[in-house]
Amino acid sequence: MNVAVGIVAQRDNERAQALAATLIDTLEDAATVVDEATAVAIDTDGVPVASMAECDLVVSIGGDGTLLFVAREAGGTPILGVNLGEVGFLNAVSPDDAVAAVADAVETLRRTGAIDGRELDRLRAAGEGWSLEPALNEVVVHGSRRGHGGGATIEIRVDGERYAESHADGVLVATPTGSTAYNLGEGGPLVRPGTDTLIINQMAATDAMPPLVVDRDAEITLAVSGAETAYAISDGRSRRELEPPATVDVSVADDPVTLAGPRTDFFEALEKLE
């Protein structure tokens, strides 16, 4: 099997770019392509990251933010993350082990046509006539801005049953992957990866209820009122302006992200959090 590998290096990171160049030189028997920004840095041809959806494997070199970007762009292609960040919940491979790990993954693909990996749920946020790009970490619904005078009244329903309604800066719905991100900063619980759950967490609510952990198959509805403008945001990037009263439905998306390579030691990564 002829294996096609896409390589995406963290923008403006010379260490990541140098490792990308090393991988290109090392993977002589694979068809390798790099993202356009990296291509300029290492003087080679590049392609849009979105075109790497046609590859058999994409290597993300950088922090978790780089991998989130790759996951948005590269469709269902398995991703192997090389960690150059501080914590690395999604990137399990160290730079020193990157060449061997990628070579092993390519050899497995060549020999079997498949690759071992674990699937991570993503969230789909949708309203009347629209939907956002799937979120690996979280979907947030909030008012025009954080703080005094900028929130909205948001009712939370789970499978049609009301859990809470309060004026709040916003409400976030997180996957287990996203429990360590925005959710944690808002006082939400940590959830071990692989748990079939979602987290619902109010942000600075006037009449707050505790963060709620629900089954991954739950249908979550966020009804927004009491504000002139509100927003639904997927992983901090994909955004939809709302005109309250408006309703946002959040559920697990049909297309998960597949992480290739070794698993991150979740508890070891937690020790690196400040």
Protein backbone atom coordinates (compact mmCIF):
# COMPACT_ATOMS: atom_id res chain seq x y z
CA MET A 1 0.00 0.00 0.00
CA ASN A 2 1.32 3.45 -0.94
CA VAL A 3 0.93 5.60 2.19
CA ALA A 4 0.18 9.34 2.01
CA VAL A 5 1.21 11.40 5.04
CA GLY A 6 0.33 15.03 5.74
CA ILE A 7 2.53 17.02 8.12
CA VAL A 8 1.36 20.19 9.89
CA ALA A 9 3.82 22.15 12.03
CA GLN A 10 2.87 24.82 14.55
CA ARG A 11 3.00 28.19 12.83
CA ASP A 12 6.15 30.25 13.45
CA ASN A 13 7.73 27.47 15.53
CA GLU A 14 11.22 26.74 14.18
CA ARG A 15 11.54 23.55 16.21
CA ALA A 16 8.29 22.20 14.74
CA GLN A 17 9.33 23.20 11.24
CA ALA A 18 12.72 21.51 11.60
CA LEU A 19 11.04 18.30 12.75
CA ALA A 20 8.69 18.46 9.76
CA ALA A 21 11.72 18.65 7.46
CA THR A 22 13.32 15.69 9.23
CA LEU A 23 10.16 13.62 8.78
CA ILE A 24 10.06 14.40 5.07
CA ASP A 25 13.67 13.22 4.71
CA THR A 26 13.06 10.12 6.82
CA LEU A 27 9.82 8.91 5.22
CA GLU A 28 11.35 8.21 1.84
CA ASP A 29 8.90 5.42 1.02
CA ALA A 30 5.80 7.50 1.82
CA ALA A 31 4.17 10.32 -0.12
CA THR A 32 4.56 13.30 2.22
CA VAL A 33 3.01 16.76 2.00
CA VAL A 34 3.25 19.72 4.39
CA ASP A 35 0.98 22.65 5.11
CA GLU A 36 1.55 25.85 3.17
CA ALA A 37 3.01 27.89 6.06
CA THR A 38 5.55 25.18 6.88
CA ALA A 39 6.42 24.81 3.21
CA VAL A 40 7.51 28.45 3.05
CA ALA A 41 9.69 28.02 6.13
CA ILE A 42 11.49 24.89 4.88
CA ASP A 43 11.54 25.81 1.17
CA THR A 44 9.36 23.09 -0.29
CA ASP A 45 5.92 22.79 -1.85
CA GLY A 46 2.89 22.93 0.41
CA VAL A 47 -0.83 22.18 0.32
CA PRO A 48 -3.88 23.44 2.25
CA VAL A 49 -4.44 21.47 5.43
CA ALA A 50 -7.99 20.72 4.28
CA SER A 51 -6.59 18.72 1.35
CA MET A 52 -4.94 16.36 3.86
CA ALA A 53 -8.37 14.79 4.35
CA GLU A 54 -7.26 12.63 1.40
CA CYS A 55 -4.16 11.39 3.26
CA ASP A 56 -3.88 8.16 5.24
CA LEU A 57 -2.32 9.90 8.26
CA VAL A 58 -1.72 13.48 9.40
CA VAL A 59 1.10 14.34 11.80
CA SER A 60 0.43 17.38 13.99
CA ILE A 61 3.58 18.95 15.46
CA GLY A 62 3.01 21.50 18.22
CA GLY A 63 0.59 21.91 21.09
CA ASP A 64 -3.00 20.86 21.57
CA GLY A 65 -4.11 23.99 19.70
CA THR A 66 -2.32 22.81 16.57
CA LEU A 67 -4.02 19.43 16.80
CA LEU A 68 -7.42 21.09 17.24
CA PHE A 69 -6.76 23.05 14.06
CA VAL A 70 -5.78 19.89 12.18
CA ALA A 71 -8.87 18.10 13.46
CA ARG A 72 -11.10 20.87 12.10
CA GLU A 73 -9.47 20.82 8.69
CA ALA A 74 -8.45 17.23 7.95
CA GLY A 75 -11.80 15.46 8.16
CA GLY A 76 -11.74 11.88 9.39
CA THR A 77 -8.05 11.25 8.67
CA PRO A 78 -6.25 9.73 11.70
CA ILE A 79 -3.99 12.23 13.48
CA LEU A 80 -0.72 11.51 15.27
CA GLY A 81 0.21 14.31 17.65
CA VAL A 82 3.79 15.30 18.49
CA ASN A 83 3.89 17.38 21.66
CA LEU A 84 5.88 20.62 21.70
CA GLY A 85 3.51 22.26 24.20
CA GLU A 86 3.51 22.51 27.96
CA VAL A 87 0.92 19.85 28.80
CA GLY A 88 -0.11 17.80 25.80
CA PHE A 89 -3.43 16.10 26.57
CA LEU A 90 -3.89 15.25 22.89
CA ASN A 91 -0.28 14.91 21.71
CA ALA A 92 1.25 11.76 23.19
CA VAL A 93 4.52 11.56 21.22
CA SER A 94 7.64 13.40 22.35
CA PRO A 95 9.87 15.09 19.75
CA ASP A 96 12.65 12.57 20.45
CA ASP A 97 10.29 9.70 19.64
CA ALA A 98 8.53 11.35 16.71
CA VAL A 99 10.51 9.85 13.82
CA ALA A 100 10.18 6.30 15.16
CA ALA A 101 6.49 6.71 16.03
CA VAL A 102 5.58 8.08 12.61
CA ALA A 103 7.67 5.45 10.83
CA ASP A 104 5.94 2.70 12.82
CA ALA A 105 2.51 4.13 11.96
CA VAL A 106 3.39 4.31 8.26
CA GLU A 107 4.69 0.73 8.27
CA THR A 108 1.49 -0.46 9.96
CA LEU A 109 -0.59 1.33 7.32
CA ARG A 110 1.52 -0.13 4.52
CA ARG A 111 1.26 -3.66 5.91
CA THR A 112 -2.38 -3.75 7.06
CA GLY A 113 -4.11 -0.80 5.40
CA ALA A 114 -5.33 0.38 8.80
CA ILE A 115 -3.95 2.00 11.91
CA ASP A 116 -4.68 1.62 15.60
CA GLY A 117 -6.29 4.63 17.18
CA ARG A 118 -8.91 5.83 19.61
CA GLU A 119 -11.97 7.80 18.64
CA LEU A 120 -12.75 11.08 20.38
CA ASP A 121 -16.28 12.44 20.34
CA ARG A 122 -17.01 15.84 18.85
CA LEU A 123 -20.03 18.06 19.47
CA ARG A 124 -22.46 19.45 16.93
CA ALA A 125 -24.21 22.72 17.70
CA ALA A 126 -27.16 23.60 15.48
CA GLY A 127 -30.13 25.91 15.25
CA GLU A 128 -32.81 26.73 12.74
CA GLY A 129 -31.09 26.52 9.34
CA TRP A 130 -27.49 26.47 10.62
CA SER A 131 -24.85 24.34 12.30
CA LEU A 132 -21.28 24.94 13.47
CA GLU A 133 -18.16 22.96 12.67
CA PRO A 134 -17.87 20.03 15.11
CA ALA A 135 -16.12 20.83 18.40
CA LEU A 136 -13.54 18.50 19.92
CA ASN A 137 -13.38 20.45 23.19
CA GLU A 138 -16.57 22.41 23.78
CA VAL A 139 -19.51 24.39 22.50
CA VAL A 140 -20.16 27.70 24.30
CA VAL A 141 -23.30 29.82 24.16
CA HIS A 142 -22.93 33.28 25.70
CA GLY A 143 -24.27 36.82 25.61
CA SER A 144 -22.75 39.78 23.84
CA ARG A 145 -19.75 39.81 26.20
CA ARG A 146 -18.50 38.51 29.55
CA GLY A 147 -19.17 40.51 32.69
CA HIS A 148 -21.76 43.00 33.94
CA GLY A 149 -24.47 43.81 31.44
CA GLY A 150 -23.26 41.34 28.86
CA GLY A 151 -24.88 38.04 29.68
CA ALA A 152 -28.16 36.39 28.75
CA THR A 153 -30.86 34.24 30.28
CA ILE A 154 -30.16 30.64 29.26
CA GLU A 155 -32.44 27.70 29.94
CA ILE A 156 -30.80 24.26 29.92
CA ARG A 157 -32.82 21.20 28.99
CA VAL A 158 -31.54 17.63 28.86
CA ASP A 159 -33.66 15.19 26.85
CA GLY A 160 -36.51 17.69 27.11
CA GLU A 161 -36.34 18.07 30.90
CA ARG A 162 -35.33 21.42 32.36
CA TYR A 163 -32.17 21.37 34.47
CA ALA A 164 -31.58 25.08 35.06
CA GLU A 165 -32.48 28.58 33.94
CA SER A 166 -30.52 31.63 34.97
CA HIS A 167 -28.98 34.85 33.78
CA ALA A 168 -25.35 33.96 33.09
CA ASP A 169 -22.32 34.98 31.10
CA GLY A 170 -22.92 31.75 29.20
CA VAL A 171 -23.19 27.96 29.24
CA LEU A 172 -20.66 25.51 27.90
CA VAL A 173 -21.06 21.89 26.89
CA ALA A 174 -17.77 19.97 26.91
CA THR A 175 -16.59 16.54 25.85
CA PRO A 176 -14.31 14.51 28.14
CA THR A 177 -11.45 15.75 25.93
CA GLY A 178 -12.51 19.33 26.63
CA SER A 179 -12.93 18.85 30.38
CA THR A 180 -9.34 20.05 30.89
CA ALA A 181 -9.79 23.18 28.76
CA TYR A 182 -12.36 26.00 29.05
CA ASN A 183 -14.55 23.84 31.31
CA LEU A 184 -11.80 23.47 33.92
CA GLY A 185 -11.20 27.23 33.91
CA GLU A 186 -14.90 27.74 34.68
CA GLY A 187 -14.75 25.39 37.68
CA GLY A 188 -16.10 22.32 35.91
CA PRO A 189 -15.09 18.74 36.71
CA LEU A 190 -12.28 16.75 35.18
CA VAL A 191 -13.51 13.75 33.21
CA ARG A 192 -11.19 10.91 32.29
CA PRO A 193 -10.82 10.37 28.51
CA GLY A 194 -12.86 7.51 27.14
CA THR A 195 -15.79 8.15 29.47
CA ASP A 196 -19.10 8.18 27.56
CA THR A 197 -20.26 11.48 29.01
CA LEU A 198 -20.71 15.19 28.35
CA ILE A 199 -20.41 18.11 30.78
CA ILE A 200 -22.81 21.05 31.08
CA ASN A 201 -21.36 24.03 32.95
CA GLN A 202 -22.89 27.45 33.61
CA MET A 203 -20.57 30.45 33.48
CA ALA A 204 -21.04 33.02 36.26
CA ALA A 205 -24.74 32.28 36.63
CA THR A 206 -26.88 34.36 38.97
CA ASP A 207 -28.76 31.29 40.20
CA ALA A 208 -26.17 28.64 39.53
CA MET A 209 -26.65 24.91 39.58
CA PRO A 210 -23.63 22.57 39.90
CA PRO A 211 -21.93 21.45 36.68
CA LEU A 212 -23.82 18.45 35.32
CA VAL A 213 -22.36 15.28 33.79
CA VAL A 214 -24.75 13.54 31.39
CA ASP A 215 -24.74 10.55 29.08
CA ARG A 216 -23.06 11.13 25.69
CA ASP A 217 -26.34 10.36 23.91
CA ALA A 218 -28.21 13.11 25.73
CA GLU A 219 -29.94 15.79 23.67
CA ILE A 220 -29.02 19.16 25.16
CA THR A 221 -31.02 22.29 24.38
CA LEU A 222 -29.91 25.80 25.32
CA ALA A 223 -32.67 28.41 24.98
CA VAL A 224 -31.34 31.97 24.99
CA SER A 225 -33.39 35.06 25.86
CA GLY A 226 -33.05 38.37 27.66
CA ALA A 227 -30.33 39.78 25.41
CA GLU A 228 -30.17 41.66 22.12
CA THR A 229 -27.32 39.51 20.83
CA ALA A 230 -25.76 36.18 21.74
CA TYR A 231 -23.27 33.75 20.19
CA ALA A 232 -22.75 30.03 19.76
CA ILE A 233 -19.07 29.12 19.43
CA SER A 234 -17.38 25.82 18.58
CA ASP A 235 -13.87 25.29 20.02
CA GLY A 236 -13.34 29.04 20.20
CA ARG A 237 -13.24 29.40 16.41
CA SER A 238 -16.43 28.62 14.51
CA ARG A 239 -19.02 31.23 15.54
CA ARG A 240 -22.71 31.92 14.95
CA GLU A 241 -24.41 35.15 15.98
CA LEU A 242 -27.84 34.60 17.53
CA GLU A 243 -30.85 36.88 17.74
CA PRO A 244 -32.62 35.94 20.98
CA PRO A 245 -34.97 34.36 21.63
CA ALA A 246 -33.00 31.53 20.02
CA THR A 247 -32.40 27.85 20.63
CA VAL A 248 -29.16 25.90 20.24
CA ASP A 249 -29.24 22.10 20.14
CA VAL A 250 -26.02 20.32 21.17
CA SER A 251 -25.36 16.63 20.58
CA VAL A 252 -22.52 14.27 19.71
CA ALA A 253 -21.51 14.65 16.06
CA ASP A 254 -21.47 11.74 13.63
CA ASP A 255 -17.78 12.20 12.78
CA PRO A 256 -15.32 11.63 15.67
CA VAL A 257 -11.60 12.40 15.59
CA THR A 258 -9.24 9.42 15.46
CA LEU A 259 -5.97 9.79 17.37
CA ALA A 260 -3.21 7.46 16.20
CA GLY A 261 -0.12 6.38 18.11
CA PRO A 262 0.38 5.88 21.85
CA ARG A 263 -2.07 7.19 24.42
CA THR A 264 -1.31 10.17 26.60
CA ASP A 265 -0.90 9.43 30.32
CA PHE A 266 -3.85 11.52 31.48
CA PHE A 267 -2.82 11.73 35.13
CA GLU A 268 0.77 12.59 34.27
CA ALA A 269 -0.47 15.39 32.01
CA LEU A 270 -2.65 16.73 34.84
CA GLU A 271 0.45 17.19 36.97
CA LYS A 272 1.71 19.75 34.44
CA LEU A 273 -1.32 22.02 34.87
CA GLU A 274 -0.59 25.22 36.74
